[in-house]
Amino acid sequence: MELAIALIFAACALGAGIAMIAGIGPAIGEGYAVGKSCEIIGRQPECKGSVTTTMLMGCAVAETTGLYALVIAILLIFVAPNLMGNKLVSLIRDNKDMVKELAEAAKSANP
């Protein structure tokens, strides 16, 4: 039983790490957007207001992907192991009772 619980914790930690890889995409995208915005403002300073507003909206939308990944990683680390561990323990308990009942039925059938 300890091995099964350890495997659940390991799988949740691995899943959280993979989910956090999604944080790389928004970082690269936002850096690229800010760099291009600075380049445009350098060429045409009179467009500063509209370019900055559009850039900030784009960065906010891109950041939601990273935030979703963070929420999923936190859920996988703190919530999922407890839920899965409790279900595993109850499943093992139920199966033990079932095995005992089958053994008793077999004993009573073959005196």
C-alpha atoms as a PDB file:
ATOM      1  CA  MET A   1       0.000   0.000   0.000  1.00  0.00           C
ATOM      2  CA  GLU A   2       2.878   2.368   0.742  1.00  0.00           C
ATOM      3  CA  LEU A   3       4.264   1.784  -2.738  1.00  0.00           C
ATOM      4  CA  ALA A   4       0.935   2.670  -4.334  1.00  0.00           C
ATOM      5  CA  ILE A   5       0.693   5.902  -2.349  1.00  0.00           C
ATOM      6  CA  ALA A   6       4.303   6.754  -3.222  1.00  0.00           C
ATOM      7  CA  LEU A   7       3.494   6.190  -6.901  1.00  0.00           C
ATOM      8  CA  ILE A   8       0.510   8.543  -6.612  1.00  0.00           C
ATOM      9  CA  PHE A   9       2.704  11.243  -5.070  1.00  0.00           C
ATOM     10  CA  ALA A  10       5.376  10.728  -7.735  1.00  0.00           C
ATOM     11  CA  ALA A  11       2.857  10.909 -10.576  1.00  0.00           C
ATOM     12  CA  CYS A  12       1.329  14.086  -9.143  1.00  0.00           C
ATOM     13  CA  ALA A  13       4.755  15.707  -8.764  1.00  0.00           C
ATOM     14  CA  LEU A  14       5.698  14.717 -12.303  1.00  0.00           C
ATOM     15  CA  GLY A  15       2.408  16.086 -13.633  1.00  0.00           C
ATOM     16  CA  ALA A  16       2.924  19.361 -11.766  1.00  0.00           C
ATOM     17  CA  GLY A  17       6.402  19.720 -13.257  1.00  0.00           C
ATOM     18  CA  ILE A  18       5.091  19.063 -16.752  1.00  0.00           C
ATOM     19  CA  ALA A  19       2.272  21.563 -16.185  1.00  0.00           C
ATOM     20  CA  MET A  20       4.793  24.234 -15.221  1.00  0.00           C
ATOM     21  CA  ILE A  21       6.565  23.814 -18.542  1.00  0.00           C
ATOM     22  CA  ALA A  22       3.569  25.727 -19.897  1.00  0.00           C
ATOM     23  CA  GLY A  23       4.978  28.800 -18.116  1.00  0.00           C
ATOM     24  CA  ILE A  24       7.800  28.997 -20.656  1.00  0.00           C
ATOM     25  CA  GLY A  25       5.506  29.860 -23.562  1.00  0.00           C
ATOM     26  CA  PRO A  26       3.966  33.012 -22.062  1.00  0.00           C
ATOM     27  CA  ALA A  27       7.394  34.232 -20.939  1.00  0.00           C
ATOM     28  CA  ILE A  28       8.835  33.925 -24.431  1.00  0.00           C
ATOM     29  CA  GLY A  29       5.733  35.445 -26.029  1.00  0.00           C
ATOM     30  CA  GLU A  30       5.595  38.384 -23.667  1.00  0.00           C
ATOM     31  CA  GLY A  31       9.289  39.102 -24.097  1.00  0.00           C
ATOM     32  CA  TYR A  32       8.912  39.052 -27.870  1.00  0.00           C
ATOM     33  CA  ALA A  33       5.822  41.331 -27.720  1.00  0.00           C
ATOM     34  CA  VAL A  34       7.526  43.870 -25.456  1.00  0.00           C
ATOM     35  CA  GLY A  35      10.631  43.880 -27.654  1.00  0.00           C
ATOM     36  CA  LYS A  36       8.598  44.504 -30.809  1.00  0.00           C
ATOM     37  CA  SER A  37       6.548  47.187 -29.044  1.00  0.00           C
ATOM     38  CA  CYS A  38       9.717  49.029 -28.012  1.00  0.00           C
ATOM     39  CA  GLU A  39      10.960  48.730 -31.577  1.00  0.00           C
ATOM     40  CA  ILE A  40       7.740  50.235 -32.970  1.00  0.00           C
ATOM     41  CA  ILE A  41       7.708  53.042 -30.390  1.00  0.00           C
ATOM     42  CA  GLY A  42      11.317  53.784 -31.303  1.00  0.00           C
ATOM     43  CA  ARG A  43      10.347  54.140 -34.968  1.00  0.00           C
ATOM     44  CA  GLN A  44       7.101  56.065 -34.425  1.00  0.00           C
ATOM     45  CA  PRO A  45       6.970  57.723 -30.998  1.00  0.00           C
ATOM     46  CA  GLU A  46       3.536  59.251 -31.722  1.00  0.00           C
ATOM     47  CA  CYS A  47       1.946  55.711 -31.610  1.00  0.00           C
ATOM     48  CA  LYS A  48       3.119  55.119 -28.046  1.00  0.00           C
ATOM     49  CA  GLY A  49      -0.346  55.096 -26.442  1.00  0.00           C
ATOM     50  CA  SER A  50      -2.049  52.680 -28.808  1.00  0.00           C
ATOM     51  CA  VAL A  51       0.953  50.344 -29.056  1.00  0.00           C
ATOM     52  CA  THR A  52       1.389  50.210 -25.279  1.00  0.00           C
ATOM     53  CA  THR A  53      -2.315  49.503 -24.711  1.00  0.00           C
ATOM     54  CA  THR A  54      -2.378  46.725 -27.292  1.00  0.00           C
ATOM     55  CA  MET A  55       0.844  45.241 -25.930  1.00  0.00           C
ATOM     56  CA  LEU A  56      -0.473  45.201 -22.349  1.00  0.00           C
ATOM     57  CA  MET A  57      -3.712  43.508 -23.426  1.00  0.00           C
ATOM     58  CA  GLY A  58      -1.782  40.884 -25.367  1.00  0.00           C
ATOM     59  CA  CYS A  59       0.553  40.240 -22.427  1.00  0.00           C
ATOM     60  CA  ALA A  60      -2.426  39.880 -20.079  1.00  0.00           C
ATOM     61  CA  VAL A  61      -4.059  37.315 -22.360  1.00  0.00           C
ATOM     62  CA  ALA A  62      -0.781  35.425 -22.778  1.00  0.00           C
ATOM     63  CA  GLU A  63      -0.192  35.374 -19.031  1.00  0.00           C
ATOM     64  CA  THR A  64      -3.461  33.517 -18.395  1.00  0.00           C
ATOM     65  CA  THR A  65      -1.896  30.364 -19.863  1.00  0.00           C
ATOM     66  CA  GLY A  66       0.880  30.505 -17.287  1.00  0.00           C
ATOM     67  CA  LEU A  67      -1.611  31.147 -14.493  1.00  0.00           C
ATOM     68  CA  TYR A  68      -3.743  28.170 -15.534  1.00  0.00           C
ATOM     69  CA  ALA A  69      -0.620  25.990 -15.515  1.00  0.00           C
ATOM     70  CA  LEU A  70       0.255  27.258 -12.026  1.00  0.00           C
ATOM     71  CA  VAL A  71      -3.238  26.492 -10.715  1.00  0.00           C
ATOM     72  CA  ILE A  72      -3.121  22.978 -12.169  1.00  0.00           C
ATOM     73  CA  ALA A  73       0.338  22.390 -10.678  1.00  0.00           C
ATOM     74  CA  ILE A  74      -0.833  23.547  -7.233  1.00  0.00           C
ATOM     75  CA  LEU A  75      -3.888  21.288  -7.451  1.00  0.00           C
ATOM     76  CA  LEU A  76      -1.723  18.336  -8.467  1.00  0.00           C
ATOM     77  CA  ILE A  77       0.678  18.895  -5.587  1.00  0.00           C
ATOM     78  CA  PHE A  78      -1.723  19.679  -2.750  1.00  0.00           C
ATOM     79  CA  VAL A  79      -5.185  18.330  -3.635  1.00  0.00           C
ATOM     80  CA  ALA A  80      -4.873  15.328  -5.947  1.00  0.00           C
ATOM     81  CA  PRO A  81      -2.618  13.129  -3.747  1.00  0.00           C
ATOM     82  CA  ASN A  82      -5.067  13.351  -0.852  1.00  0.00           C
ATOM     83  CA  LEU A  83      -8.085  12.563  -3.028  1.00  0.00           C
ATOM     84  CA  MET A  84      -6.408   9.686  -4.812  1.00  0.00           C
ATOM     85  CA  GLY A  85      -4.803   8.355  -1.635  1.00  0.00           C
ATOM     86  CA  ASN A  86      -8.152   8.293   0.171  1.00  0.00           C
ATOM     87  CA  LYS A  87      -9.800   6.513  -2.760  1.00  0.00           C
ATOM     88  CA  LEU A  88      -6.957   3.992  -2.901  1.00  0.00           C
ATOM     89  CA  VAL A  89      -7.191   3.244   0.830  1.00  0.00           C
ATOM     90  CA  SER A  90     -10.972   2.792   0.647  1.00  0.00           C
ATOM     91  CA  LEU A  91     -10.601   0.558  -2.429  1.00  0.00           C
ATOM     92  CA  ILE A  92      -8.061  -1.616  -0.631  1.00  0.00           C
ATOM     93  CA  ARG A  93     -10.303  -1.862   2.432  1.00  0.00           C
ATOM     94  CA  ASP A  94     -13.294  -2.833   0.287  1.00  0.00           C
ATOM     95  CA  ASN A  95     -11.282  -5.480  -1.522  1.00  0.00           C
ATOM     96  CA  LYS A  96      -9.989  -6.943   1.751  1.00  0.00           C
ATOM     97  CA  ASP A  97     -13.566  -7.364   2.944  1.00  0.00           C
ATOM     98  CA  MET A  98     -14.515  -8.939  -0.383  1.00  0.00           C
ATOM     99  CA  VAL A  99     -11.599 -11.362  -0.238  1.00  0.00           C
ATOM    100  CA  LYS A 100     -12.528 -12.355   3.326  1.00  0.00           C
ATOM    101  CA  GLU A 101     -16.155 -12.949   2.294  1.00  0.00           C
ATOM    102  CA  LEU A 102     -15.079 -15.086  -0.666  1.00  0.00           C
ATOM    103  CA  ALA A 103     -12.727 -17.116   1.543  1.00  0.00           C
ATOM    104  CA  GLU A 104     -15.494 -17.703   4.099  1.00  0.00           C
ATOM    105  CA  ALA A 105     -17.911 -18.701   1.342  1.00  0.00           C
ATOM    106  CA  ALA A 106     -15.361 -21.138  -0.044  1.00  0.00           C
ATOM    107  CA  LYS A 107     -14.801 -22.652   3.386  1.00  0.00           C
ATOM    108  CA  SER A 108     -18.509 -23.078   3.989  1.00  0.00           C
ATOM    109  CA  ALA A 109     -19.042 -24.585   0.517  1.00  0.00           C
ATOM    110  CA  ASN A 110     -16.244 -27.163   1.033  1.00  0.00           C
ATOM    111  CA  PRO A 111     -16.563 -28.496   4.584  1.00  0.00           C
END
